[in-house]
C-alpha atoms as a PDB file:
ATOM      1  CA  MET A   1     105.678  99.842  81.492  1.00  0.00           C
ATOM      2  CA  LYS A   2     108.978 101.091  82.878  1.00  0.00           C
ATOM      3  CA  LEU A   3     109.281 103.552  85.745  1.00  0.00           C
ATOM      4  CA  ASP A   4     112.297 105.832  86.034  1.00  0.00           C
ATOM      5  CA  VAL A   5     112.947 108.574  88.589  1.00  0.00           C
ATOM      6  CA  LEU A   6     115.159 111.608  88.088  1.00  0.00           C
ATOM      7  CA  PHE A   7     116.091 113.090  91.459  1.00  0.00           C
ATOM      8  CA  SER A   8     116.993 116.474  89.967  1.00  0.00           C
ATOM      9  CA  PRO A   9     116.210 118.336  86.707  1.00  0.00           C
ATOM     10  CA  VAL A  10     119.944 118.730  86.120  1.00  0.00           C
ATOM     11  CA  GLN A  11     120.111 115.028  85.210  1.00  0.00           C
ATOM     12  CA  ALA A  12     118.609 115.560  81.744  1.00  0.00           C
ATOM     13  CA  ASP A  13     118.211 118.248  79.092  1.00  0.00           C
ATOM     14  CA  GLU A  14     114.949 119.410  77.498  1.00  0.00           C
ATOM     15  CA  LEU A  15     115.155 117.088  74.493  1.00  0.00           C
ATOM     16  CA  PHE A  16     115.440 114.027  76.745  1.00  0.00           C
ATOM     17  CA  PHE A  17     111.732 114.386  77.559  1.00  0.00           C
ATOM     18  CA  THR A  18     110.567 114.557  73.935  1.00  0.00           C
ATOM     19  CA  GLY A  19     107.646 112.211  73.380  1.00  0.00           C
ATOM     20  CA  LYS A  20     107.800 110.811  76.923  1.00  0.00           C
ATOM     21  CA  THR A  21     105.207 110.643  79.689  1.00  0.00           C
ATOM     22  CA  THR A  22     106.541 112.753  82.537  1.00  0.00           C
ATOM     23  CA  VAL A  23     105.326 113.507  86.053  1.00  0.00           C
ATOM     24  CA  VAL A  24     106.821 116.569  87.767  1.00  0.00           C
ATOM     25  CA  ILE A  25     106.887 116.649  91.566  1.00  0.00           C
ATOM     26  CA  ASP A  26     107.624 119.682  93.728  1.00  0.00           C
ATOM     27  CA  VAL A  27     105.955 118.911  97.050  1.00  0.00           C
ATOM     28  CA  LEU A  28     107.145 122.126  98.776  1.00  0.00           C
ATOM     29  CA  ARG A  29     105.371 123.878  97.273  1.00  0.00           C
ATOM     30  CA  ALA A  30     104.806 124.430  93.561  1.00  0.00           C
ATOM     31  CA  SER A  31     102.968 121.159  92.816  1.00  0.00           C
ATOM     32  CA  SER A  32     100.622 121.609  95.753  1.00  0.00           C
ATOM     33  CA  THR A  33     100.016 125.281  94.914  1.00  0.00           C
ATOM     34  CA  ILE A  34      99.317 124.631  91.217  1.00  0.00           C
ATOM     35  CA  ILE A  35      96.904 121.830  92.101  1.00  0.00           C
ATOM     36  CA  THR A  36      95.142 124.081  94.632  1.00  0.00           C
ATOM     37  CA  ALA A  37      94.853 126.951  92.130  1.00  0.00           C
ATOM     38  CA  LEU A  38      93.262 124.743  89.475  1.00  0.00           C
ATOM     39  CA  ALA A  39      91.011 123.025  92.020  1.00  0.00           C
ATOM     40  CA  ASN A  40      89.770 126.489  93.024  1.00  0.00           C
ATOM     41  CA  GLY A  41      88.791 127.406  89.490  1.00  0.00           C
ATOM     42  CA  ALA A  42      91.868 128.998  87.934  1.00  0.00           C
ATOM     43  CA  LYS A  43      91.564 128.920  84.155  1.00  0.00           C
ATOM     44  CA  GLU A  44      95.199 127.876  83.735  1.00  0.00           C
ATOM     45  CA  VAL A  45      98.641 128.153  85.272  1.00  0.00           C
ATOM     46  CA  VAL A  46     101.419 129.243  82.917  1.00  0.00           C
ATOM     47  CA  PRO A  47     104.790 128.030  84.288  1.00  0.00           C
ATOM     48  CA  VAL A  48     107.843 130.083  83.346  1.00  0.00           C
ATOM     49  CA  GLY A  49     111.563 129.607  83.781  1.00  0.00           C
ATOM     50  CA  THR A  50     112.539 133.146  84.801  1.00  0.00           C
ATOM     51  CA  ILE A  51     111.019 136.042  86.703  1.00  0.00           C
ATOM     52  CA  GLU A  52     111.731 138.367  83.799  1.00  0.00           C
ATOM     53  CA  PHE A  53     109.740 136.169  81.432  1.00  0.00           C
ATOM     54  CA  ALA A  54     106.864 136.013  83.924  1.00  0.00           C
ATOM     55  CA  VAL A  55     106.621 139.804  83.921  1.00  0.00           C
ATOM     56  CA  LYS A  56     106.907 139.941  80.129  1.00  0.00           C
ATOM     57  CA  VAL A  57     104.189 137.339  79.551  1.00  0.00           C
ATOM     58  CA  SER A  58     101.764 138.862  82.044  1.00  0.00           C
ATOM     59  CA  GLY A  59     102.284 142.313  80.533  1.00  0.00           C
ATOM     60  CA  GLY A  60     100.947 141.109  77.205  1.00  0.00           C
ATOM     61  CA  ILE A  61      97.601 139.963  78.632  1.00  0.00           C
ATOM     62  CA  PHE A  62      94.875 142.500  79.345  1.00  0.00           C
ATOM     63  CA  GLY A  63      91.506 142.657  81.054  1.00  0.00           C
ATOM     64  CA  GLY A  64      92.613 142.011  84.620  1.00  0.00           C
ATOM     65  CA  GLN A  65      92.270 138.258  84.180  1.00  0.00           C
ATOM     66  CA  THR A  66      95.943 137.469  84.770  1.00  0.00           C
ATOM     67  CA  LEU A  67      97.786 137.175  88.070  1.00  0.00           C
ATOM     68  CA  LEU A  68     101.510 136.880  88.715  1.00  0.00           C
ATOM     69  CA  GLY A  69     102.305 134.219  91.279  1.00  0.00           C
ATOM     70  CA  GLY A  70     105.377 132.547  92.702  1.00  0.00           C
ATOM     71  CA  GLU A  71     108.432 132.873  94.876  1.00  0.00           C
ATOM     72  CA  ARG A  72     112.178 133.123  94.976  1.00  0.00           C
ATOM     73  CA  ASN A  73     113.953 131.444  97.878  1.00  0.00           C
ATOM     74  CA  ALA A  74     110.598 130.826  99.624  1.00  0.00           C
ATOM     75  CA  LYS A  75     109.539 134.493  99.597  1.00  0.00           C
ATOM     76  CA  LYS A  76     106.953 136.231  97.406  1.00  0.00           C
ATOM     77  CA  ILE A  77     108.554 138.168  94.572  1.00  0.00           C
ATOM     78  CA  GLU A  78     108.253 141.936  94.753  1.00  0.00           C
ATOM     79  CA  GLY A  79     105.475 143.145  92.470  1.00  0.00           C
ATOM     80  CA  PHE A  80     103.771 139.742  92.261  1.00  0.00           C
ATOM     81  CA  ALA A  81     100.139 139.448  93.390  1.00  0.00           C
ATOM     82  CA  LEU A  82     100.653 136.012  94.951  1.00  0.00           C
ATOM     83  CA  GLY A  83     103.437 133.983  96.491  1.00  0.00           C
ATOM     84  CA  ASN A  84     103.773 130.206  96.548  1.00  0.00           C
ATOM     85  CA  SER A  85     101.518 129.287  99.463  1.00  0.00           C
ATOM     86  CA  PRO A  86      98.495 127.099  98.627  1.00  0.00           C
ATOM     87  CA  PHE A  87      96.470 129.191 101.082  1.00  0.00           C
ATOM     88  CA  GLU A  88      96.834 132.276  98.889  1.00  0.00           C
ATOM     89  CA  TYR A  89      95.147 130.637  95.889  1.00  0.00           C
ATOM     90  CA  THR A  90      91.572 130.802  97.124  1.00  0.00           C
ATOM     91  CA  LYS A  91      88.500 130.508  94.910  1.00  0.00           C
ATOM     92  CA  GLU A  92      87.714 134.188  95.477  1.00  0.00           C
ATOM     93  CA  ILE A  93      91.112 135.224  94.126  1.00  0.00           C
ATOM     94  CA  VAL A  94      91.888 132.747  91.330  1.00  0.00           C
ATOM     95  CA  ASN A  95      88.539 131.637  89.910  1.00  0.00           C
ATOM     96  CA  GLY A  96      88.540 132.220  86.141  1.00  0.00           C
ATOM     97  CA  LYS A  97      92.030 133.729  86.150  1.00  0.00           C
ATOM     98  CA  SER A  98      95.189 132.828  84.261  1.00  0.00           C
ATOM     99  CA  ILE A  99      98.181 132.636  86.593  1.00  0.00           C
ATOM    100  CA  VAL A 100     101.696 133.222  85.311  1.00  0.00           C
ATOM    101  CA  PHE A 101     103.786 131.248  87.781  1.00  0.00           C
ATOM    102  CA  TYR A 102     107.473 131.159  88.676  1.00  0.00           C
ATOM    103  CA  SER A 103     109.138 129.225  91.471  1.00  0.00           C
ATOM    104  CA  THR A 104     112.742 128.513  92.365  1.00  0.00           C
ATOM    105  CA  ASN A 105     112.460 124.818  91.529  1.00  0.00           C
ATOM    106  CA  GLY A 106     109.033 123.628  90.378  1.00  0.00           C
ATOM    107  CA  SER A 107     108.205 125.901  87.454  1.00  0.00           C
ATOM    108  CA  ARG A 108     111.694 125.499  86.020  1.00  0.00           C
ATOM    109  CA  ALA A 109     111.387 121.701  86.150  1.00  0.00           C
ATOM    110  CA  ILE A 110     108.022 121.882  84.364  1.00  0.00           C
ATOM    111  CA  VAL A 111     109.449 124.129  81.638  1.00  0.00           C
ATOM    112  CA  LYS A 112     112.368 121.748  81.193  1.00  0.00           C
ATOM    113  CA  ALA A 113     109.964 118.845  80.597  1.00  0.00           C
ATOM    114  CA  LYS A 114     107.691 120.824  78.245  1.00  0.00           C
ATOM    115  CA  TYR A 115     108.407 118.633  75.205  1.00  0.00           C
ATOM    116  CA  SER A 116     106.874 115.584  76.899  1.00  0.00           C
ATOM    117  CA  ALA A 117     103.988 113.920  75.071  1.00  0.00           C
ATOM    118  CA  ASN A 118     102.140 113.769  78.392  1.00  0.00           C
ATOM    119  CA  LEU A 119     103.155 116.043  81.267  1.00  0.00           C
ATOM    120  CA  TYR A 120     101.379 115.860  84.631  1.00  0.00           C
ATOM    121  CA  ILE A 121     101.903 117.541  88.005  1.00  0.00           C
ATOM    122  CA  CYS A 122     101.853 115.405  91.145  1.00  0.00           C
ATOM    123  CA  SER A 123     102.052 115.977  94.883  1.00  0.00           C
ATOM    124  CA  PHE A 124     100.823 114.069  97.903  1.00  0.00           C
ATOM    125  CA  ASN A 125      97.499 115.894  97.394  1.00  0.00           C
ATOM    126  CA  ASN A 126      96.598 114.114  94.136  1.00  0.00           C
ATOM    127  CA  LEU A 127      98.935 111.118  94.115  1.00  0.00           C
ATOM    128  CA  LYS A 128      96.323 108.370  93.820  1.00  0.00           C
ATOM    129  CA  ALA A 129      94.557 110.201  90.956  1.00  0.00           C
ATOM    130  CA  VAL A 130      97.840 110.595  89.054  1.00  0.00           C
ATOM    131  CA  ALA A 131      98.669 106.915  89.554  1.00  0.00           C
ATOM    132  CA  LYS A 132      95.235 105.967  88.180  1.00  0.00           C
ATOM    133  CA  GLN A 133      95.813 108.122  85.081  1.00  0.00           C
ATOM    134  CA  LEU A 134      99.265 106.626  84.474  1.00  0.00           C
ATOM    135  CA  LYS A 135      97.899 103.098  84.768  1.00  0.00           C
ATOM    136  CA  LYS A 136      95.227 104.017  82.249  1.00  0.00           C
ATOM    137  CA  LEU A 137      97.858 105.277  79.782  1.00  0.00           C
ATOM    138  CA  GLY A 138     100.104 102.249  80.215  1.00  0.00           C
ATOM    139  CA  GLU A 139     103.174 104.130  78.937  1.00  0.00           C
ATOM    140  CA  ASP A 140     106.721 104.238  80.303  1.00  0.00           C
ATOM    141  CA  VAL A 141     106.943 106.996  82.919  1.00  0.00           C
ATOM    142  CA  ILE A 142     109.655 109.471  83.907  1.00  0.00           C
ATOM    143  CA  ILE A 143     109.091 110.878  87.402  1.00  0.00           C
ATOM    144  CA  LEU A 144     110.962 114.178  87.633  1.00  0.00           C
ATOM    145  CA  CYS A 145     111.734 115.503  91.098  1.00  0.00           C
ATOM    146  CA  SER A 146     112.180 119.294  91.064  1.00  0.00           C
ATOM    147  CA  GLY A 147     114.769 119.061  93.815  1.00  0.00           C
ATOM    148  CA  SER A 148     116.244 122.035  95.625  1.00  0.00           C
ATOM    149  CA  ASN A 149     118.381 124.362  93.514  1.00  0.00           C
ATOM    150  CA  ASN A 150     119.286 121.379  91.309  1.00  0.00           C
ATOM    151  CA  PHE A 151     120.213 119.237  94.309  1.00  0.00           C
ATOM    152  CA  PHE A 152     118.471 116.283  95.969  1.00  0.00           C
ATOM    153  CA  SER A 153     115.198 116.881  97.799  1.00  0.00           C
ATOM    154  CA  LEU A 154     113.958 114.323 100.332  1.00  0.00           C
ATOM    155  CA  GLU A 155     110.266 115.253 100.109  1.00  0.00           C
ATOM    156  CA  ASP A 156     110.120 115.043  96.303  1.00  0.00           C
ATOM    157  CA  SER A 157     111.958 111.726  96.329  1.00  0.00           C
ATOM    158  CA  VAL A 158     109.667 110.229  98.986  1.00  0.00           C
ATOM    159  CA  CYS A 159     106.624 111.365  96.997  1.00  0.00           C
ATOM    160  CA  ALA A 160     108.139 109.770  93.876  1.00  0.00           C
ATOM    161  CA  GLY A 161     108.630 106.557  95.859  1.00  0.00           C
ATOM    162  CA  MET A 162     105.008 106.620  97.003  1.00  0.00           C
ATOM    163  CA  LEU A 163     103.900 107.063  93.385  1.00  0.00           C
ATOM    164  CA  VAL A 164     106.067 104.119  92.305  1.00  0.00           C
ATOM    165  CA  THR A 165     104.563 101.999  95.102  1.00  0.00           C
ATOM    166  CA  GLU A 166     101.022 103.008  94.110  1.00  0.00           C
ATOM    167  CA  LEU A 167     101.722 102.124  90.469  1.00  0.00           C
ATOM    168  CA  LEU A 168     103.080  98.724  91.472  1.00  0.00           C
ATOM    169  CA  ASN A 169      99.925  97.999  93.448  1.00  0.00           C
ATOM    170  CA  GLY A 170      98.070  95.359  91.433  1.00  0.00           C
ATOM    171  CA  ASN A 171     100.645  95.389  88.622  1.00  0.00           C
ATOM    172  CA  LYS A 172     103.775  93.449  89.446  1.00  0.00           C
ATOM    173  CA  LYS A 173     104.878  93.325  85.777  1.00  0.00           C
ATOM    174  CA  MET A 174     106.187  96.889  85.799  1.00  0.00           C
ATOM    175  CA  GLU A 175     109.876  97.347  85.148  1.00  0.00           C
ATOM    176  CA  LEU A 176     111.668  99.487  87.727  1.00  0.00           C
ATOM    177  CA  ALA A 177     114.882 101.369  87.050  1.00  0.00           C
ATOM    178  CA  ASP A 178     117.428 101.470  89.880  1.00  0.00           C
ATOM    179  CA  SER A 179     116.272 104.994  90.677  1.00  0.00           C
ATOM    180  CA  SER A 180     112.665 103.807  91.115  1.00  0.00           C
ATOM    181  CA  ASN A 181     113.782 101.127  93.545  1.00  0.00           C
ATOM    182  CA  ALA A 182     115.772 103.748  95.437  1.00  0.00           C
ATOM    183  CA  ALA A 183     112.790 106.123  95.604  1.00  0.00           C
ATOM    184  CA  SER A 184     110.572 103.279  96.785  1.00  0.00           C
ATOM    185  CA  ALA A 185     113.059 102.479  99.553  1.00  0.00           C
ATOM    186  CA  LEU A 186     113.058 106.127 100.648  1.00  0.00           C
ATOM    187  CA  PHE A 187     109.273 106.081 100.813  1.00  0.00           C
ATOM    188  CA  LYS A 188     109.337 102.951 102.981  1.00  0.00           C
ATOM    189  CA  SER A 189     111.843 104.619 105.323  1.00  0.00           C
ATOM    190  CA  PHE A 190     110.379 108.132 105.513  1.00  0.00           C
ATOM    191  CA  GLY A 191     106.791 107.894 104.263  1.00  0.00           C
ATOM    192  CA  LYS A 192     105.027 106.568 107.356  1.00  0.00           C
ATOM    193  CA  ASN A 193     104.451 110.094 108.660  1.00  0.00           C
ATOM    194  CA  ILE A 194     104.428 112.568 105.768  1.00  0.00           C
ATOM    195  CA  LEU A 195     104.053 115.714 107.868  1.00  0.00           C
ATOM    196  CA  LYS A 196     106.932 114.688 110.147  1.00  0.00           C
ATOM    197  CA  MET A 197     109.120 114.044 107.104  1.00  0.00           C
ATOM    198  CA  LEU A 198     108.246 117.435 105.607  1.00  0.00           C
ATOM    199  CA  THR A 199     108.859 119.200 108.904  1.00  0.00           C
ATOM    200  CA  GLU A 200     112.298 117.639 109.306  1.00  0.00           C
ATOM    201  CA  SER A 201     113.424 118.106 105.687  1.00  0.00           C
ATOM    202  CA  ASP A 202     115.817 120.885 104.718  1.00  0.00           C
ATOM    203  CA  HIS A 203     113.209 122.756 102.699  1.00  0.00           C
ATOM    204  CA  GLY A 204     110.572 122.208 105.354  1.00  0.00           C
ATOM    205  CA  GLN A 205     112.841 123.846 107.898  1.00  0.00           C
ATOM    206  CA  LEU A 206     113.395 126.776 105.527  1.00  0.00           C
ATOM    207  CA  LEU A 207     109.641 127.266 105.180  1.00  0.00           C
ATOM    208  CA  ILE A 208     109.062 127.016 108.923  1.00  0.00           C
ATOM    209  CA  ASN A 209     111.739 129.636 109.528  1.00  0.00           C
ATOM    210  CA  ASN A 210     109.959 131.904 107.029  1.00  0.00           C
ATOM    211  CA  GLY A 211     106.564 131.525 108.700  1.00  0.00           C
ATOM    212  CA  PHE A 212     105.012 128.865 106.452  1.00  0.00           C
ATOM    213  CA  ARG A 213     104.543 125.982 108.898  1.00  0.00           C
ATOM    214  CA  ASP A 214     100.854 125.649 107.982  1.00  0.00           C
ATOM    215  CA  ASP A 215     101.836 125.148 104.331  1.00  0.00           C
ATOM    216  CA  LEU A 216     103.505 121.890 105.309  1.00  0.00           C
ATOM    217  CA  LYS A 217     100.183 120.584 106.631  1.00  0.00           C
ATOM    218  CA  ALA A 218      98.461 121.483 103.353  1.00  0.00           C
ATOM    219  CA  CYS A 219     101.214 119.837 101.313  1.00  0.00           C
ATOM    220  CA  ALA A 220     101.013 116.675 103.471  1.00  0.00           C
ATOM    221  CA  ASP A 221      97.260 116.270 102.911  1.00  0.00           C
ATOM    222  CA  LEU A 222      97.270 112.899 101.149  1.00  0.00           C
ATOM    223  CA  ASN A 223      94.833 112.320  98.267  1.00  0.00           C
ATOM    224  CA  SER A 224      92.723 115.346  99.124  1.00  0.00           C
ATOM    225  CA  THR A 225      91.801 115.998  95.470  1.00  0.00           C
ATOM    226  CA  GLU A 226      91.475 114.228  92.125  1.00  0.00           C
ATOM    227  CA  VAL A 227      92.562 117.304  90.154  1.00  0.00           C
ATOM    228  CA  ILE A 228      95.443 116.501  87.785  1.00  0.00           C
ATOM    229  CA  PRO A 229      97.224 119.438  86.120  1.00  0.00           C
ATOM    230  CA  VAL A 230      98.218 118.558  82.562  1.00  0.00           C
ATOM    231  CA  TYR A 231     100.503 120.641  80.347  1.00  0.00           C
ATOM    232  CA  SER A 232      98.825 121.752  77.116  1.00  0.00           C
ATOM    233  CA  GLY A 233      99.516 124.750  74.908  1.00  0.00           C
ATOM    234  CA  ASN A 234     102.225 126.178  77.205  1.00  0.00           C
ATOM    235  CA  ALA A 235      99.891 126.091  80.225  1.00  0.00           C
ATOM    236  CA  LEU A 236      98.745 123.725  82.933  1.00  0.00           C
ATOM    237  CA  LYS A 237      95.033 122.957  82.923  1.00  0.00           C
ATOM    238  CA  VAL A 238      92.771 120.470  84.673  1.00  0.00           C
ATOM    239  CA  LEU A 239      92.845 117.070  82.968  1.00  0.00           C
ATOM    240  CA  LYS A 240      89.299 116.321  81.838  1.00  0.00           C
END
């Protein structure tokens, strides 16, 4: 079982992921929001690569069972019902609904990895559950950090390093790529206080400046759920 980390989606094209087991991480905030939505009873989350496609897809579904959710540059998109804060995706709002979801980084990374044989979504919220599932599969794993506008993101990389460390726990035979060792080192340096790391990160500062400080606390809530979003039929659903 080999572990490899991509620190940005720009490092590979769509076909690279064909047949692979991939874990997408976007700590601030798409991963955490998607996990929260599904934990609160959303039927599915449909990730899309553009805002225009989100509007097009949602327009073809009737009955009031579809919500548009997401953000652009940390702010809710005009005309969308929901933004990208986990606190917006309450049981009262999302239960039984399909959510068409766009975000600046996370949804685009998920769409890029759509040809994976197994595609899971991870954040600090469900990290231990994802690690358990990956150990059960026993396949090589690509951990894809969504990054920030195709650049490096500290919080995603630290989360990737924590996942690598969790996978190594009790299984020293795993093969680590250089990138996995690097992510693990970042976790050891910055992972002792997750909330502090998120608060001091570039994207964390952007969210704080836009009034989303409480979102950082939600995104730092370690192993708060066992819900694992899995990509199936162009949508993310709860892994049974």
